[in-house]
N, C-alpha and C. Protein backbone atom coordinates (compact mmCIF):
# COMPACT_ATOMS: atom_id res chain seq x y z
N MET A 1 61.06 111.16 -90.54
CA MET A 1 59.65 111.50 -90.47
C MET A 1 58.87 110.28 -89.99
N GLU A 2 57.81 110.58 -89.25
CA GLU A 2 56.97 109.52 -88.73
C GLU A 2 55.52 109.81 -89.11
N LEU A 3 54.88 108.83 -89.71
CA LEU A 3 53.47 108.97 -90.09
C LEU A 3 52.60 109.00 -88.84
N ILE A 4 51.77 110.05 -88.74
CA ILE A 4 50.82 110.14 -87.64
C ILE A 4 49.49 109.54 -88.06
N GLY A 5 49.05 109.85 -89.28
CA GLY A 5 47.80 109.28 -89.78
C GLY A 5 47.18 110.12 -90.88
N ASP A 6 46.03 109.69 -91.33
CA ASP A 6 45.29 110.41 -92.36
C ASP A 6 44.74 111.70 -91.78
N ALA A 7 44.74 112.73 -92.61
CA ALA A 7 44.27 114.04 -92.17
C ALA A 7 43.67 114.79 -93.35
N ARG A 8 43.03 115.90 -93.05
CA ARG A 8 42.47 116.76 -94.11
C ARG A 8 42.70 118.21 -93.74
N ILE A 9 42.77 119.04 -94.77
CA ILE A 9 42.91 120.48 -94.59
C ILE A 9 41.85 121.16 -95.46
N ARG A 10 41.50 122.39 -95.10
CA ARG A 10 40.61 123.17 -95.96
C ARG A 10 41.37 123.53 -97.23
N GLY A 11 40.76 123.27 -98.36
CA GLY A 11 41.40 123.62 -99.62
C GLY A 11 40.70 122.95 -100.78
N GLN A 12 41.16 123.29 -101.95
CA GLN A 12 40.68 122.66 -103.18
C GLN A 12 41.89 122.07 -103.88
N LEU A 13 41.71 120.87 -104.43
CA LEU A 13 42.79 120.16 -105.08
C LEU A 13 42.58 120.19 -106.59
N TYR A 14 43.66 120.43 -107.32
CA TYR A 14 43.59 120.51 -108.77
C TYR A 14 44.62 119.60 -109.42
N GLN A 15 44.23 119.00 -110.55
CA GLN A 15 45.20 118.32 -111.40
C GLN A 15 45.75 119.39 -112.33
N LEU A 16 47.04 119.61 -112.24
CA LEU A 16 47.67 120.68 -113.01
C LEU A 16 47.92 120.23 -114.44
N PRO A 17 47.63 121.09 -115.41
CA PRO A 17 47.79 120.70 -116.81
C PRO A 17 49.25 120.39 -117.15
N GLY A 18 49.46 119.22 -117.78
CA GLY A 18 50.80 118.82 -118.22
C GLY A 18 51.71 118.34 -117.12
N GLU A 19 51.19 118.17 -115.90
CA GLU A 19 52.02 117.73 -114.77
C GLU A 19 51.51 116.41 -114.22
N ASP A 20 52.39 115.66 -113.59
CA ASP A 20 51.97 114.40 -112.97
C ASP A 20 51.82 114.54 -111.46
N TYR A 21 51.59 115.75 -111.00
CA TYR A 21 51.35 116.01 -109.58
C TYR A 21 50.21 117.02 -109.46
N PRO A 22 49.53 117.02 -108.32
CA PRO A 22 48.42 117.95 -108.11
C PRO A 22 48.91 119.23 -107.45
N GLY A 23 48.00 120.17 -107.30
CA GLY A 23 48.25 121.39 -106.56
C GLY A 23 47.03 121.72 -105.72
N ALA A 24 47.25 121.99 -104.46
CA ALA A 24 46.17 122.39 -103.56
C ALA A 24 46.21 123.90 -103.40
N VAL A 25 45.05 124.50 -103.29
CA VAL A 25 44.96 125.93 -103.00
C VAL A 25 44.07 126.11 -101.79
N PRO A 26 44.37 127.10 -100.93
CA PRO A 26 43.56 127.29 -99.73
C PRO A 26 42.18 127.84 -100.07
N THR A 27 41.23 127.53 -99.22
CA THR A 27 39.88 128.05 -99.37
C THR A 27 39.27 128.21 -97.99
N LYS A 28 38.27 129.06 -97.89
CA LYS A 28 37.55 129.21 -96.63
C LYS A 28 36.24 128.43 -96.66
N SER A 29 35.94 127.82 -97.81
CA SER A 29 34.71 127.04 -97.93
C SER A 29 34.87 125.69 -97.25
N ASP A 30 33.82 124.90 -97.27
CA ASP A 30 33.85 123.57 -96.67
C ASP A 30 34.31 122.52 -97.68
N ARG A 31 35.39 122.79 -98.35
CA ARG A 31 36.04 121.83 -99.25
C ARG A 31 37.34 121.41 -98.59
N TYR A 32 37.70 120.16 -98.77
CA TYR A 32 38.87 119.63 -98.09
C TYR A 32 39.78 118.87 -99.04
N VAL A 33 41.06 118.92 -98.72
CA VAL A 33 42.07 118.12 -99.39
C VAL A 33 42.50 117.06 -98.37
N HIS A 34 42.51 115.82 -98.81
CA HIS A 34 42.83 114.71 -97.93
C HIS A 34 44.25 114.23 -98.19
N GLY A 35 44.95 113.89 -97.10
CA GLY A 35 46.32 113.42 -97.22
C GLY A 35 46.77 112.77 -95.93
N GLN A 36 48.06 112.85 -95.68
CA GLN A 36 48.62 112.24 -94.48
C GLN A 36 49.41 113.27 -93.69
N LEU A 37 49.38 113.13 -92.38
CA LEU A 37 50.09 114.02 -91.48
C LEU A 37 51.31 113.30 -90.93
N TYR A 38 52.46 113.98 -90.98
CA TYR A 38 53.72 113.42 -90.50
C TYR A 38 54.29 114.30 -89.40
N SER A 39 55.03 113.68 -88.51
CA SER A 39 55.82 114.38 -87.51
C SER A 39 57.27 114.37 -87.99
N ILE A 40 57.94 115.52 -87.87
CA ILE A 40 59.34 115.57 -88.29
C ILE A 40 60.22 115.90 -87.09
N LYS A 41 61.37 115.23 -87.04
CA LYS A 41 62.26 115.38 -85.88
C LYS A 41 63.16 116.62 -85.98
N ARG A 42 63.63 116.93 -87.18
CA ARG A 42 64.48 118.11 -87.37
C ARG A 42 63.81 119.04 -88.37
N PRO A 43 62.86 119.86 -87.89
CA PRO A 43 62.05 120.68 -88.79
C PRO A 43 62.85 121.61 -89.70
N ARG A 44 63.84 122.29 -89.17
CA ARG A 44 64.57 123.25 -90.00
C ARG A 44 65.22 122.55 -91.20
N LYS A 45 65.90 121.46 -90.96
CA LYS A 45 66.57 120.73 -92.03
C LYS A 45 65.57 120.10 -92.99
N THR A 46 64.55 119.45 -92.43
CA THR A 46 63.56 118.76 -93.27
C THR A 46 62.75 119.74 -94.10
N LEU A 47 62.27 120.82 -93.47
CA LEU A 47 61.48 121.80 -94.22
C LEU A 47 62.32 122.50 -95.28
N GLY A 48 63.59 122.74 -95.00
CA GLY A 48 64.47 123.32 -96.01
C GLY A 48 64.59 122.43 -97.23
N ALA A 49 64.75 121.12 -97.00
CA ALA A 49 64.83 120.17 -98.11
C ALA A 49 63.50 120.09 -98.86
N LEU A 50 62.40 120.10 -98.12
CA LEU A 50 61.09 120.07 -98.77
C LEU A 50 60.82 121.35 -99.55
N ASP A 51 61.22 122.49 -99.01
CA ASP A 51 61.07 123.76 -99.75
C ASP A 51 61.77 123.68 -101.10
N GLU A 52 62.97 123.12 -101.10
CA GLU A 52 63.72 122.99 -102.35
C GLU A 52 63.01 122.04 -103.31
N PHE A 53 62.58 120.89 -102.80
CA PHE A 53 61.88 119.90 -103.62
C PHE A 53 60.60 120.46 -104.22
N GLU A 54 59.85 121.24 -103.44
CA GLU A 54 58.56 121.79 -103.86
C GLU A 54 58.69 123.06 -104.70
N GLY A 55 59.89 123.54 -104.94
CA GLY A 55 60.08 124.70 -105.79
C GLY A 55 59.64 126.01 -105.17
N VAL A 56 59.79 126.15 -103.86
CA VAL A 56 59.36 127.36 -103.17
C VAL A 56 60.13 128.58 -103.68
N SER A 57 61.44 128.47 -103.84
CA SER A 57 62.22 129.63 -104.29
C SER A 57 61.90 130.03 -105.73
N GLU A 58 61.37 129.09 -106.53
CA GLU A 58 60.97 129.41 -107.91
C GLU A 58 59.53 129.91 -107.98
N GLY A 59 58.82 129.89 -106.85
CA GLY A 59 57.43 130.36 -106.84
C GLY A 59 56.42 129.33 -107.26
N LEU A 60 56.81 128.04 -107.33
CA LEU A 60 55.88 127.00 -107.74
C LEU A 60 54.88 126.68 -106.62
N PHE A 61 55.39 126.50 -105.42
CA PHE A 61 54.56 126.25 -104.24
C PHE A 61 54.98 127.21 -103.13
N ARG A 62 54.11 127.40 -102.15
CA ARG A 62 54.47 128.17 -100.96
C ARG A 62 54.03 127.39 -99.73
N ARG A 63 54.83 127.48 -98.70
CA ARG A 63 54.55 126.74 -97.46
C ARG A 63 53.75 127.63 -96.51
N LYS A 64 52.70 127.03 -95.92
CA LYS A 64 51.85 127.79 -95.00
C LYS A 64 51.44 126.89 -93.83
N LEU A 65 51.39 127.46 -92.63
CA LEU A 65 50.95 126.74 -91.45
C LEU A 65 49.43 126.84 -91.35
N VAL A 66 48.75 125.69 -91.32
CA VAL A 66 47.29 125.66 -91.31
C VAL A 66 46.79 124.64 -90.29
N ASP A 67 45.48 124.65 -90.08
CA ASP A 67 44.85 123.63 -89.25
C ASP A 67 44.63 122.38 -90.10
N ALA A 68 44.94 121.23 -89.51
CA ALA A 68 44.66 119.93 -90.14
C ALA A 68 43.80 119.15 -89.15
N TRP A 69 42.92 118.31 -89.68
CA TRP A 69 42.04 117.52 -88.84
C TRP A 69 42.26 116.04 -89.07
N MET A 70 42.38 115.31 -87.97
CA MET A 70 42.40 113.85 -87.97
C MET A 70 41.16 113.45 -87.19
N SER A 71 40.15 112.95 -87.88
CA SER A 71 38.83 112.74 -87.29
C SER A 71 38.37 114.07 -86.70
N ARG A 72 38.21 114.17 -85.40
CA ARG A 72 37.79 115.43 -84.78
C ARG A 72 38.93 116.15 -84.07
N LYS A 73 40.11 115.59 -84.16
CA LYS A 73 41.28 116.20 -83.50
C LYS A 73 41.97 117.16 -84.46
N ARG A 74 42.26 118.37 -83.96
CA ARG A 74 42.89 119.40 -84.77
C ARG A 74 44.38 119.48 -84.43
N ALA A 75 45.19 119.72 -85.46
CA ALA A 75 46.63 119.91 -85.28
C ALA A 75 47.08 121.01 -86.23
N ARG A 76 48.19 121.64 -85.92
CA ARG A 76 48.78 122.63 -86.82
C ARG A 76 49.77 121.88 -87.71
N ALA A 77 49.77 122.21 -89.00
CA ALA A 77 50.60 121.48 -89.94
C ALA A 77 51.10 122.41 -91.05
N TRP A 78 52.31 122.16 -91.50
CA TRP A 78 52.84 122.87 -92.66
C TRP A 78 52.29 122.21 -93.92
N VAL A 79 51.82 123.04 -94.84
CA VAL A 79 51.24 122.57 -96.10
C VAL A 79 51.88 123.35 -97.23
N TYR A 80 52.09 122.67 -98.36
CA TYR A 80 52.60 123.33 -99.56
C TYR A 80 51.42 123.58 -100.49
N PHE A 81 51.08 124.85 -100.67
CA PHE A 81 50.00 125.25 -101.57
C PHE A 81 50.58 125.66 -102.91
N TYR A 82 49.86 125.31 -103.96
CA TYR A 82 50.26 125.68 -105.31
C TYR A 82 50.16 127.19 -105.46
N ALA A 83 51.17 127.80 -106.05
CA ALA A 83 51.22 129.25 -106.17
C ALA A 83 51.02 129.74 -107.60
N GLY A 84 50.80 128.82 -108.53
CA GLY A 84 50.64 129.20 -109.93
C GLY A 84 49.17 129.38 -110.30
N PRO A 85 48.92 129.66 -111.58
CA PRO A 85 47.55 129.84 -112.05
C PRO A 85 46.80 128.51 -112.10
N ILE A 86 45.51 128.55 -111.80
CA ILE A 86 44.70 127.33 -111.84
C ILE A 86 43.59 127.39 -112.89
N GLN A 87 43.59 128.42 -113.73
CA GLN A 87 42.52 128.58 -114.72
C GLN A 87 42.41 127.38 -115.65
N GLN A 88 43.51 126.76 -116.01
CA GLN A 88 43.51 125.62 -116.93
C GLN A 88 43.53 124.28 -116.20
N ALA A 89 43.58 124.30 -114.87
CA ALA A 89 43.65 123.07 -114.07
C ALA A 89 42.26 122.48 -113.88
N ASN A 90 42.22 121.18 -113.63
CA ASN A 90 40.95 120.49 -113.40
C ASN A 90 40.77 120.23 -111.90
N LEU A 91 39.62 120.64 -111.37
CA LEU A 91 39.31 120.42 -109.96
C LEU A 91 39.18 118.92 -109.69
N VAL A 92 39.82 118.46 -108.63
CA VAL A 92 39.65 117.09 -108.14
C VAL A 92 38.63 117.21 -107.01
N SER A 93 37.35 117.04 -107.35
CA SER A 93 36.27 117.36 -106.40
C SER A 93 36.29 116.50 -105.14
N SER A 94 36.85 115.30 -105.21
CA SER A 94 36.90 114.43 -104.04
C SER A 94 37.93 114.92 -103.04
N GLY A 95 38.89 115.72 -103.49
CA GLY A 95 39.97 116.17 -102.62
C GLY A 95 41.02 115.11 -102.37
N VAL A 96 40.92 114.01 -103.10
CA VAL A 96 41.86 112.89 -102.95
C VAL A 96 42.59 112.70 -104.26
N TYR A 97 43.91 112.72 -104.21
CA TYR A 97 44.71 112.51 -105.41
C TYR A 97 45.20 111.07 -105.44
N SER A 98 44.91 110.39 -106.55
CA SER A 98 45.36 109.01 -106.66
C SER A 98 46.13 108.78 -107.94
């Protein structure tokens, strides 16, 4: 994988209760989740490994192709969105997980 740079996607970021990782959910509003955009050389192999790591088959996250923005430049990017309930989660209003 090669880092392309900082990017953002439309979504809302949540701190999941009892977990040390966040979960992003898609939105149509003007809320953004900030992160990094990477280029991958062998997508099938890499995405398969990431699907396993992210718990896609268990229903924890789901992978979706979305628009990502780097400054004013748009790119298509695979994103892992949280697929569980967010009623007990805390919104990370900045969209930045640290």
